[in-house]
Amino acid sequence: MTVNVGVLARFEFKPGYDQEIAQFFAEGRAIVASQPRQTCWYAFRLGATTYGAFAAFASEADRDALLSAGGPKLSASVAHLFAAPPTFDKHDIVEFRPSQP
């Protein structure tokens, strides 16, 4: 498996939206799963209202396909949940080691 690029998203939610936040990430997971090519996707919590998501891909085209269908579009549809606009930063993967069974 070749992994060359990734995207790191950061989300700062308004307090009191726990159910909506869970739904947001469930919808994000479904969007990622519908993509023809993704290698990994993780959503994580950094603080009480700060969350992130990371996805890695073999190519820039695969990453751009997710970004055009995924996080930015979904985020725009629930903009009222955010204390600050989400960020979606593109990155190059320097090293990748898949987990062993």
PDB file of N, CA and C in Angstrom:
ATOM      1  N   MET A   1       0.840  -1.163   0.000  1.00  0.00           N
ATOM      2  CA  MET A   1       0.000   0.000   0.000  1.00  0.00           C
ATOM      3  C   MET A   1       0.900   1.246   0.000  1.00  0.00           C
ATOM      4  N   THR A   2       0.671   2.117  -0.942  1.00  0.00           N
ATOM      5  CA  THR A   2       1.419   3.357  -1.037  1.00  0.00           C
ATOM      6  C   THR A   2       0.595   4.497  -0.448  1.00  0.00           C
ATOM      7  N   VAL A   3       1.213   5.260   0.407  1.00  0.00           N
ATOM      8  CA  VAL A   3       0.549   6.416   1.015  1.00  0.00           C
ATOM      9  C   VAL A   3       1.480   7.612   0.824  1.00  0.00           C
ATOM     10  N   ASN A   4       0.984   8.628   0.129  1.00  0.00           N
ATOM     11  CA  ASN A   4       1.825   9.777  -0.192  1.00  0.00           C
ATOM     12  C   ASN A   4       1.341  11.102   0.378  1.00  0.00           C
ATOM     13  N   VAL A   5       0.038  11.254   0.534  1.00  0.00           N
ATOM     14  CA  VAL A   5      -0.515  12.539   0.965  1.00  0.00           C
ATOM     15  C   VAL A   5      -1.605  12.339   2.009  1.00  0.00           C
ATOM     16  N   GLY A   6      -1.890  13.406   2.752  1.00  0.00           N
ATOM     17  CA  GLY A   6      -2.945  13.344   3.750  1.00  0.00           C
ATOM     18  C   GLY A   6      -3.620  14.686   3.908  1.00  0.00           C
ATOM     19  N   VAL A   7      -4.648  14.684   4.715  1.00  0.00           N
ATOM     20  CA  VAL A   7      -5.330  15.921   5.086  1.00  0.00           C
ATOM     21  C   VAL A   7      -5.619  15.857   6.579  1.00  0.00           C
ATOM     22  N   LEU A   8      -5.318  16.949   7.256  1.00  0.00           N
ATOM     23  CA  LEU A   8      -5.567  17.067   8.686  1.00  0.00           C
ATOM     24  C   LEU A   8      -6.599  18.173   8.886  1.00  0.00           C
ATOM     25  N   ALA A   9      -7.727  17.819   9.467  1.00  0.00           N
ATOM     26  CA  ALA A   9      -8.800  18.780   9.706  1.00  0.00           C
ATOM     27  C   ALA A   9      -8.885  19.062  11.203  1.00  0.00           C
ATOM     28  N   ARG A  10      -9.250  20.288  11.507  1.00  0.00           N
ATOM     29  CA  ARG A  10      -9.416  20.692  12.909  1.00  0.00           C
ATOM     30  C   ARG A  10     -10.762  21.386  13.040  1.00  0.00           C
ATOM     31  N   PHE A  11     -11.496  21.005  14.087  1.00  0.00           N
ATOM     32  CA  PHE A  11     -12.845  21.512  14.308  1.00  0.00           C
ATOM     33  C   PHE A  11     -12.969  22.049  15.730  1.00  0.00           C
ATOM     34  N   GLU A  12     -13.418  23.271  15.866  1.00  0.00           N
ATOM     35  CA  GLU A  12     -13.695  23.861  17.174  1.00  0.00           C
ATOM     36  C   GLU A  12     -15.206  24.077  17.246  1.00  0.00           C
ATOM     37  N   PHE A  13     -15.866  23.221  18.023  1.00  0.00           N
ATOM     38  CA  PHE A  13     -17.321  23.264  18.147  1.00  0.00           C
ATOM     39  C   PHE A  13     -17.750  24.184  19.280  1.00  0.00           C
ATOM     40  N   LYS A  14     -18.960  24.663  19.196  1.00  0.00           N
ATOM     41  CA  LYS A  14     -19.573  25.367  20.313  1.00  0.00           C
ATOM     42  C   LYS A  14     -19.939  24.324  21.366  1.00  0.00           C
ATOM     43  N   PRO A  15     -19.905  24.667  22.638  1.00  0.00           N
ATOM     44  CA  PRO A  15     -20.278  23.697  23.675  1.00  0.00           C
ATOM     45  C   PRO A  15     -21.763  23.350  23.611  1.00  0.00           C
ATOM     46  N   GLY A  16     -22.079  22.140  24.096  1.00  0.00           N
ATOM     47  CA  GLY A  16     -23.472  21.729  24.225  1.00  0.00           C
ATOM     48  C   GLY A  16     -24.053  21.010  23.015  1.00  0.00           C
ATOM     49  N   TYR A  17     -23.231  20.596  22.083  1.00  0.00           N
ATOM     50  CA  TYR A  17     -23.716  19.943  20.863  1.00  0.00           C
ATOM     51  C   TYR A  17     -23.187  18.510  20.731  1.00  0.00           C
ATOM     52  N   ASP A  18     -23.057  17.801  21.827  1.00  0.00           N
ATOM     53  CA  ASP A  18     -22.439  16.473  21.802  1.00  0.00           C
ATOM     54  C   ASP A  18     -23.105  15.520  20.808  1.00  0.00           C
ATOM     55  N   GLN A  19     -24.417  15.459  20.792  1.00  0.00           N
ATOM     56  CA  GLN A  19     -25.109  14.553  19.858  1.00  0.00           C
ATOM     57  C   GLN A  19     -24.859  14.962  18.415  1.00  0.00           C
ATOM     58  N   GLU A  20     -24.911  16.246  18.148  1.00  0.00           N
ATOM     59  CA  GLU A  20     -24.688  16.734  16.797  1.00  0.00           C
ATOM     60  C   GLU A  20     -23.254  16.483  16.345  1.00  0.00           C
ATOM     61  N   ILE A  21     -22.306  16.588  17.259  1.00  0.00           N
ATOM     62  CA  ILE A  21     -20.902  16.322  16.946  1.00  0.00           C
ATOM     63  C   ILE A  21     -20.729  14.847  16.591  1.00  0.00           C
ATOM     64  N   ALA A  22     -21.327  13.966  17.385  1.00  0.00           N
ATOM     65  CA  ALA A  22     -21.257  12.530  17.083  1.00  0.00           C
ATOM     66  C   ALA A  22     -21.859  12.237  15.717  1.00  0.00           C
ATOM     67  N   GLN A  23     -22.975  12.865  15.399  1.00  0.00           N
ATOM     68  CA  GLN A  23     -23.616  12.678  14.100  1.00  0.00           C
ATOM     69  C   GLN A  23     -22.730  13.216  12.968  1.00  0.00           C
ATOM     70  N   PHE A  24     -22.095  14.347  13.201  1.00  0.00           N
ATOM     71  CA  PHE A  24     -21.188  14.939  12.219  1.00  0.00           C
ATOM     72  C   PHE A  24     -20.083  13.948  11.849  1.00  0.00           C
ATOM     73  N   PHE A  25     -19.460  13.339  12.852  1.00  0.00           N
ATOM     74  CA  PHE A  25     -18.378  12.394  12.565  1.00  0.00           C
ATOM     75  C   PHE A  25     -18.905  11.086  11.975  1.00  0.00           C
ATOM     76  N   ALA A  26     -20.083  10.665  12.340  1.00  0.00           N
ATOM     77  CA  ALA A  26     -20.685   9.476  11.716  1.00  0.00           C
ATOM     78  C   ALA A  26     -20.929   9.732  10.230  1.00  0.00           C
ATOM     79  N   GLU A  27     -21.417  10.914   9.905  1.00  0.00           N
ATOM     80  CA  GLU A  27     -21.628  11.265   8.500  1.00  0.00           C
ATOM     81  C   GLU A  27     -20.291  11.378   7.771  1.00  0.00           C
ATOM     82  N   GLY A  28     -19.296  11.921   8.433  1.00  0.00           N
ATOM     83  CA  GLY A  28     -17.954  12.001   7.842  1.00  0.00           C
ATOM     84  C   GLY A  28     -17.394  10.629   7.548  1.00  0.00           C
ATOM     85  N   ARG A  29     -17.560   9.698   8.490  1.00  0.00           N
ATOM     86  CA  ARG A  29     -17.089   8.324   8.286  1.00  0.00           C
ATOM     87  C   ARG A  29     -17.766   7.696   7.079  1.00  0.00           C
ATOM     88  N   ALA A  30     -19.058   7.933   6.910  1.00  0.00           N
ATOM     89  CA  ALA A  30     -19.792   7.379   5.772  1.00  0.00           C
ATOM     90  C   ALA A  30     -19.296   7.966   4.450  1.00  0.00           C
ATOM     91  N   ILE A  31     -18.986   9.256   4.450  1.00  0.00           N
ATOM     92  CA  ILE A  31     -18.457   9.877   3.232  1.00  0.00           C
ATOM     93  C   ILE A  31     -17.109   9.263   2.866  1.00  0.00           C
ATOM     94  N   VAL A  32     -16.250   9.091   3.853  1.00  0.00           N
ATOM     95  CA  VAL A  32     -14.936   8.488   3.598  1.00  0.00           C
ATOM     96  C   VAL A  32     -15.104   7.057   3.087  1.00  0.00           C
ATOM     97  N   ALA A  33     -15.998   6.296   3.698  1.00  0.00           N
ATOM     98  CA  ALA A  33     -16.213   4.907   3.285  1.00  0.00           C
ATOM     99  C   ALA A  33     -16.740   4.807   1.854  1.00  0.00           C
ATOM    100  N   SER A  34     -17.418   5.837   1.393  1.00  0.00           N
ATOM    101  CA  SER A  34     -17.966   5.797   0.030  1.00  0.00           C
ATOM    102  C   SER A  34     -16.933   6.156  -1.034  1.00  0.00           C
ATOM    103  N   GLN A  35     -15.776   6.624  -0.611  1.00  0.00           N
ATOM    104  CA  GLN A  35     -14.737   6.981  -1.572  1.00  0.00           C
ATOM    105  C   GLN A  35     -14.088   5.725  -2.137  1.00  0.00           C
ATOM    106  N   PRO A  36     -13.789   5.731  -3.429  1.00  0.00           N
ATOM    107  CA  PRO A  36     -13.197   4.529  -4.017  1.00  0.00           C
ATOM    108  C   PRO A  36     -11.790   4.233  -3.507  1.00  0.00           C
ATOM    109  N   ARG A  37     -11.063   5.281  -3.075  1.00  0.00           N
ATOM    110  CA  ARG A  37      -9.683   5.056  -2.638  1.00  0.00           C
ATOM    111  C   ARG A  37      -9.357   5.897  -1.414  1.00  0.00           C
ATOM    112  N   GLN A  38      -9.260   5.251  -0.294  1.00  0.00           N
ATOM    113  CA  GLN A  38      -8.725   5.888   0.900  1.00  0.00           C
ATOM    114  C   GLN A  38      -7.940   4.817   1.628  1.00  0.00           C
ATOM    115  N   THR A  39      -6.946   5.225   2.376  1.00  0.00           N
ATOM    116  CA  THR A  39      -6.149   4.248   3.099  1.00  0.00           C
ATOM    117  C   THR A  39      -6.490   4.214   4.575  1.00  0.00           C
ATOM    118  N   CYS A  40      -6.761   5.382   5.135  1.00  0.00           N
ATOM    119  CA  CYS A  40      -7.140   5.423   6.549  1.00  0.00           C
ATOM    120  C   CYS A  40      -7.852   6.732   6.838  1.00  0.00           C
ATOM    121  N   TRP A  41      -8.660   6.713   7.884  1.00  0.00           N
ATOM    122  CA  TRP A  41      -9.348   7.912   8.359  1.00  0.00           C
ATOM    123  C   TRP A  41      -9.523   7.756   9.853  1.00  0.00           C
ATOM    124  N   TYR A  42      -9.160   8.791  10.583  1.00  0.00           N
ATOM    125  CA  TYR A  42      -9.303   8.797  12.033  1.00  0.00           C
ATOM    126  C   TYR A  42      -9.956  10.101  12.455  1.00  0.00           C
ATOM    127  N   ALA A  43     -10.876  10.028  13.363  1.00  0.00           N
ATOM    128  CA  ALA A  43     -11.431  11.215  14.008  1.00  0.00           C
ATOM    129  C   ALA A  43     -11.027  11.131  15.474  1.00  0.00           C
ATOM    130  N   PHE A  44     -10.698  12.274  16.056  1.00  0.00           N
ATOM    131  CA  PHE A  44     -10.204  12.262  17.429  1.00  0.00           C
ATOM    132  C   PHE A  44     -10.616  13.533  18.153  1.00  0.00           C
ATOM    133  N   ARG A  45     -10.554  13.454  19.478  1.00  0.00           N
ATOM    134  CA  ARG A  45     -10.896  14.590  20.339  1.00  0.00           C
ATOM    135  C   ARG A  45      -9.625  15.109  20.984  1.00  0.00           C
ATOM    136  N   LEU A  46      -9.432  16.419  20.911  1.00  0.00           N
ATOM    137  CA  LEU A  46      -8.247  17.048  21.496  1.00  0.00           C
ATOM    138  C   LEU A  46      -8.554  17.783  22.792  1.00  0.00           C
ATOM    139  N   GLY A  47      -9.800  18.141  22.996  1.00  0.00           N
ATOM    140  CA  GLY A  47     -10.211  18.887  24.185  1.00  0.00           C
ATOM    141  C   GLY A  47     -11.720  18.851  24.298  1.00  0.00           C
ATOM    142  N   ALA A  48     -12.259  19.625  25.203  1.00  0.00           N
ATOM    143  CA  ALA A  48     -13.704  19.602  25.462  1.00  0.00           C
ATOM    144  C   ALA A  48     -14.527  19.882  24.210  1.00  0.00           C
ATOM    145  N   THR A  49     -14.085  20.805  23.384  1.00  0.00           N
ATOM    146  CA  THR A  49     -14.837  21.151  22.168  1.00  0.00           C
ATOM    147  C   THR A  49     -13.961  21.145  20.917  1.00  0.00           C
ATOM    148  N   THR A  50     -12.732  20.673  21.040  1.00  0.00           N
ATOM    149  CA  THR A  50     -11.792  20.648  19.914  1.00  0.00           C
ATOM    150  C   THR A  50     -11.608  19.219  19.423  1.00  0.00           C
ATOM    151  N   TYR A  51     -11.823  19.040  18.140  1.00  0.00           N
ATOM    152  CA  TYR A  51     -11.722  17.721  17.511  1.00  0.00           C
ATOM    153  C   TYR A  51     -10.862  17.821  16.261  1.00  0.00           C
ATOM    154  N   GLY A  52     -10.475  16.667  15.767  1.00  0.00           N
ATOM    155  CA  GLY A  52      -9.726  16.621  14.523  1.00  0.00           C
ATOM    156  C   GLY A  52     -10.074  15.379  13.752  1.00  0.00           C
ATOM    157  N   ALA A  53      -9.636  15.352  12.506  1.00  0.00           N
ATOM    158  CA  ALA A  53      -9.761  14.172  11.654  1.00  0.00           C
ATOM    159  C   ALA A  53      -8.546  14.134  10.751  1.00  0.00           C
ATOM    160  N   PHE A  54      -8.085  12.935  10.454  1.00  0.00           N
ATOM    161  CA  PHE A  54      -6.934  12.749   9.574  1.00  0.00           C
ATOM    162  C   PHE A  54      -7.258  11.644   8.589  1.00  0.00           C
ATOM    163  N   ALA A  55      -6.917  11.866   7.340  1.00  0.00           N
ATOM    164  CA  ALA A  55      -7.077  10.845   6.304  1.00  0.00           C
ATOM    165  C   ALA A  55      -5.805  10.819   5.469  1.00  0.00           C
ATOM    166  N   ALA A  56      -5.450   9.640   4.973  1.00  0.00           N
ATOM    167  CA  ALA A  56      -4.259   9.481   4.134  1.00  0.00           C
ATOM    168  C   ALA A  56      -4.640   8.800   2.831  1.00  0.00           C
ATOM    169  N   PHE A  57      -3.892   9.143   1.781  1.00  0.00           N
ATOM    170  CA  PHE A  57      -4.230   8.691   0.429  1.00  0.00           C
ATOM    171  C   PHE A  57      -2.973   8.383  -0.369  1.00  0.00           C
ATOM    172  N   ALA A  58      -3.155   7.622  -1.432  1.00  0.00           N
ATOM    173  CA  ALA A  58      -2.054   7.309  -2.335  1.00  0.00           C
ATOM    174  C   ALA A  58      -1.732   8.476  -3.254  1.00  0.00           C
ATOM    175  N   SER A  59      -2.723   9.284  -3.595  1.00  0.00           N
ATOM    176  CA  SER A  59      -2.485  10.351  -4.576  1.00  0.00           C
ATOM    177  C   SER A  59      -3.215  11.639  -4.196  1.00  0.00           C
ATOM    178  N   GLU A  60      -2.746  12.735  -4.766  1.00  0.00           N
ATOM    179  CA  GLU A  60      -3.413  14.022  -4.562  1.00  0.00           C
ATOM    180  C   GLU A  60      -4.830  13.993  -5.121  1.00  0.00           C
ATOM    181  N   ALA A  61      -5.037  13.292  -6.234  1.00  0.00           N
ATOM    182  CA  ALA A  61      -6.374  13.195  -6.830  1.00  0.00           C
ATOM    183  C   ALA A  61      -7.346  12.512  -5.872  1.00  0.00           C
ATOM    184  N   ASP A  62      -6.892  11.458  -5.183  1.00  0.00           N
ATOM    185  CA  ASP A  62      -7.744  10.767  -4.209  1.00  0.00           C
ATOM    186  C   ASP A  62      -8.079  11.690  -3.036  1.00  0.00           C
ATOM    187  N   ARG A  63      -7.081  12.421  -2.566  1.00  0.00           N
ATOM    188  CA  ARG A  63      -7.300  13.368  -1.462  1.00  0.00           C
ATOM    189  C   ARG A  63      -8.273  14.463  -1.891  1.00  0.00           C
ATOM    190  N   ASP A  64      -8.074  15.007  -3.075  1.00  0.00           N
ATOM    191  CA  ASP A  64      -8.947  16.074  -3.558  1.00  0.00           C
ATOM    192  C   ASP A  64     -10.378  15.587  -3.768  1.00  0.00           C
ATOM    193  N   ALA A  65     -10.525  14.322  -4.164  1.00  0.00           N
ATOM    194  CA  ALA A  65     -11.874  13.752  -4.332  1.00  0.00           C
ATOM    195  C   ALA A  65     -12.603  13.721  -2.992  1.00  0.00           C
ATOM    196  N   LEU A  66     -11.908  13.330  -1.931  1.00  0.00           N
ATOM    197  CA  LEU A  66     -12.547  13.327  -0.613  1.00  0.00           C
ATOM    198  C   LEU A  66     -12.878  14.749  -0.163  1.00  0.00           C
ATOM    199  N   LEU A  67     -11.952  15.660  -0.348  1.00  0.00           N
ATOM    200  CA  LEU A  67     -12.207  17.036   0.080  1.00  0.00           C
ATOM    201  C   LEU A  67     -13.380  17.656  -0.673  1.00  0.00           C
ATOM    202  N   SER A  68     -13.549  17.308  -1.929  1.00  0.00           N
ATOM    203  CA  SER A  68     -14.664  17.887  -2.682  1.00  0.00           C
ATOM    204  C   SER A  68     -15.997  17.265  -2.282  1.00  0.00           C
ATOM    205  N   ALA A  69     -15.981  16.043  -1.762  1.00  0.00           N
ATOM    206  CA  ALA A  69     -17.219  15.368  -1.358  1.00  0.00           C
ATOM    207  C   ALA A  69     -17.420  15.365   0.149  1.00  0.00           C
ATOM    208  N   GLY A  70     -16.361  15.608   0.898  1.00  0.00           N
ATOM    209  CA  GLY A  70     -16.390  15.343   2.327  1.00  0.00           C
ATOM    210  C   GLY A  70     -16.448  16.514   3.259  1.00  0.00           C
ATOM    211  N   GLY A  71     -15.436  16.608   4.122  1.00  0.00           N
ATOM    212  CA  GLY A  71     -15.417  17.511   5.255  1.00  0.00           C
ATOM    213  C   GLY A  71     -15.823  18.948   5.006  1.00  0.00           C
ATOM    214  N   PRO A  72     -15.236  19.631   4.031  1.00  0.00           N
ATOM    215  CA  PRO A  72     -15.628  21.029   3.823  1.00  0.00           C
ATOM    216  C   PRO A  72     -17.107  21.183   3.466  1.00  0.00           C
ATOM    217  N   LYS A  73     -17.608  20.288   2.649  1.00  0.00           N
ATOM    218  CA  LYS A  73     -19.018  20.346   2.242  1.00  0.00           C
ATOM    219  C   LYS A  73     -19.933  20.038   3.435  1.00  0.00           C
ATOM    220  N   LEU A  74     -19.611  18.981   4.174  1.00  0.00           N
ATOM    221  CA  LEU A  74     -20.391  18.619   5.353  1.00  0.00           C
ATOM    222  C   LEU A  74     -20.335  19.729   6.400  1.00  0.00           C
ATOM    223  N   SER A  75     -19.154  20.296   6.604  1.00  0.00           N
ATOM    224  CA  SER A  75     -18.994  21.370   7.586  1.00  0.00           C
ATOM    225  C   SER A  75     -19.850  22.582   7.242  1.00  0.00           C
ATOM    226  N   ALA A  76     -19.923  22.911   5.977  1.00  0.00           N
ATOM    227  CA  ALA A  76     -20.732  24.062   5.554  1.00  0.00           C
ATOM    228  C   ALA A  76     -22.205  23.848   5.887  1.00  0.00           C
ATOM    229  N   SER A  77     -22.641  22.596   5.842  1.00  0.00           N
ATOM    230  CA  SER A  77     -24.055  22.309   6.102  1.00  0.00           C
ATOM    231  C   SER A  77     -24.415  22.391   7.585  1.00  0.00           C
ATOM    232  N   VAL A  78     -23.414  22.376   8.459  1.00  0.00           N
ATOM    233  CA  VAL A  78     -23.662  22.471   9.908  1.00  0.00           C
ATOM    234  C   VAL A  78     -22.831  23.596  10.528  1.00  0.00           C
ATOM    235  N   ALA A  79     -22.652  24.664   9.794  1.00  0.00           N
ATOM    236  CA  ALA A  79     -21.800  25.777  10.231  1.00  0.00           C
ATOM    237  C   ALA A  79     -22.202  26.333  11.592  1.00  0.00           C
ATOM    238  N   HIS A  80     -23.474  26.224  11.943  1.00  0.00           N
ATOM    239  CA  HIS A  80     -23.942  26.746  13.235  1.00  0.00           C
ATOM    240  C   HIS A  80     -23.328  26.021  14.434  1.00  0.00           C
ATOM    241  N   LEU A  81     -22.727  24.848  14.212  1.00  0.00           N
ATOM    242  CA  LEU A  81     -22.123  24.086  15.312  1.00  0.00           C
ATOM    243  C   LEU A  81     -20.732  24.587  15.695  1.00  0.00           C
ATOM    244  N   PHE A  82     -20.104  25.369  14.818  1.00  0.00           N
ATOM    245  CA  PHE A  82     -18.697  25.713  15.006  1.00  0.00           C
ATOM    246  C   PHE A  82     -18.484  27.050  15.691  1.00  0.00           C
ATOM    247  N   ALA A  83     -17.522  27.072  16.627  1.00  0.00           N
ATOM    248  CA  ALA A  83     -17.112  28.313  17.275  1.00  0.00           C
ATOM    249  C   ALA A  83     -16.154  29.087  16.370  1.00  0.00           C
ATOM    250  N   ALA A  84     -15.468  28.371  15.491  1.00  0.00           N
ATOM    251  CA  ALA A  84     -14.542  28.951  14.508  1.00  0.00           C
ATOM    252  C   ALA A  84     -14.624  28.086  13.256  1.00  0.00           C
ATOM    253  N   PRO A  85     -14.327  28.657  12.104  1.00  0.00           N
ATOM    254  CA  PRO A  85     -14.382  27.846  10.880  1.00  0.00           C
ATOM    255  C   PRO A  85     -13.390  26.683  10.938  1.00  0.00           C
ATOM    256  N   PRO A  86     -13.782  25.505  10.473  1.00  0.00           N
ATOM    257  CA  PRO A  86     -12.863  24.368  10.433  1.00  0.00           C
ATOM    258  C   PRO A  86     -11.707  24.633   9.472  1.00  0.00           C
ATOM    259  N   THR A  87     -10.602  23.964   9.709  1.00  0.00           N
ATOM    260  CA  THR A  87      -9.460  24.041   8.797  1.00  0.00           C
ATOM    261  C   THR A  87      -9.218  22.663   8.195  1.00  0.00           C
ATOM    262  N   PHE A  88      -8.751  22.652   6.964  1.00  0.00           N
ATOM    263  CA  PHE A  88      -8.439  21.420   6.235  1.00  0.00           C
ATOM    264  C   PHE A  88      -7.076  21.625   5.586  1.00  0.00           C
ATOM    265  N   ASP A  89      -6.036  21.100   6.223  1.00  0.00           N
ATOM    266  CA  ASP A  89      -4.667  21.301   5.762  1.00  0.00           C
ATOM    267  C   ASP A  89      -4.150  20.069   5.040  1.00  0.00           C
ATOM    268  N   LYS A  90      -3.662  20.288   3.824  1.00  0.00           N
ATOM    269  CA  LYS A  90      -3.077  19.205   3.026  1.00  0.00           C
ATOM    270  C   LYS A  90      -1.630  18.998   3.460  1.00  0.00           C
ATOM    271  N   HIS A  91      -1.218  17.716   3.537  1.00  0.00           N
ATOM    272  CA  HIS A  91       0.133  17.369   3.957  1.00  0.00           C
ATOM    273  C   HIS A  91       0.703  16.274   3.082  1.00  0.00           C
ATOM    274  N   ASP A  92       2.026  16.220   3.025  1.00  0.00           N
ATOM    275  CA  ASP A  92       2.724  15.107   2.401  1.00  0.00           C
ATOM    276  C   ASP A  92       3.052  14.096   3.492  1.00  0.00           C
ATOM    277  N   ILE A  93       2.917  12.826   3.179  1.00  0.00           N
ATOM    278  CA  ILE A  93       3.269  11.760   4.117  1.00  0.00           C
ATOM    279  C   ILE A  93       4.752  11.435   3.924  1.00  0.00           C
ATOM    280  N   VAL A  94       5.516  11.511   4.988  1.00  0.00           N
ATOM    281  CA  VAL A  94       6.942  11.250   4.914  1.00  0.00           C
ATOM    282  C   VAL A  94       7.212   9.763   5.078  1.00  0.00           C
ATOM    283  N   GLU A  95       6.496   9.121   5.975  1.00  0.00           N
ATOM    284  CA  GLU A  95       6.692   7.693   6.243  1.00  0.00           C
ATOM    285  C   GLU A  95       5.363   7.096   6.649  1.00  0.00           C
ATOM    286  N   PHE A  96       5.088   5.884   6.184  1.00  0.00           N
ATOM    287  CA  PHE A  96       3.846   5.199   6.528  1.00  0.00           C
ATOM    288  C   PHE A  96       4.172   3.736   6.763  1.00  0.00           C
ATOM    289  N   ARG A  97       3.702   3.216   7.856  1.00  0.00           N
ATOM    290  CA  ARG A  97       3.868   1.799   8.168  1.00  0.00           C
ATOM    291  C   ARG A  97       2.501   1.226   8.482  1.00  0.00           C
ATOM    292  N   PRO A  98       1.971   0.372   7.598  1.00  0.00           N
ATOM    293  CA  PRO A  98       0.682  -0.240   7.896  1.00  0.00           C
ATOM    294  C   PRO A  98       0.801  -1.199   9.068  1.00  0.00           C
ATOM    295  N   SER A  99      -0.278  -1.345   9.794  1.00  0.00           N
ATOM    296  CA  SER A  99      -0.262  -2.265  10.932  1.00  0.00           C
ATOM    297  C   SER A  99      -0.187  -3.709  10.440  1.00  0.00           C
ATOM    298  N   GLN A 100       0.393  -4.538  11.238  1.00  0.00           N
ATOM    299  CA  GLN A 100       0.539  -5.955  10.926  1.00  0.00           C
ATOM    300  C   GLN A 100      -0.580  -6.737  11.609  1.00  0.00           C
ATOM    301  N   PRO A 101      -1.151  -7.729  10.937  1.00  0.00           N
ATOM    302  CA  PRO A 101      -2.221  -8.534  11.564  1.00  0.00           C
ATOM    303  C   PRO A 101      -1.737  -9.319  12.768  1.00  0.00           C
TER     304      PRO A 101
END
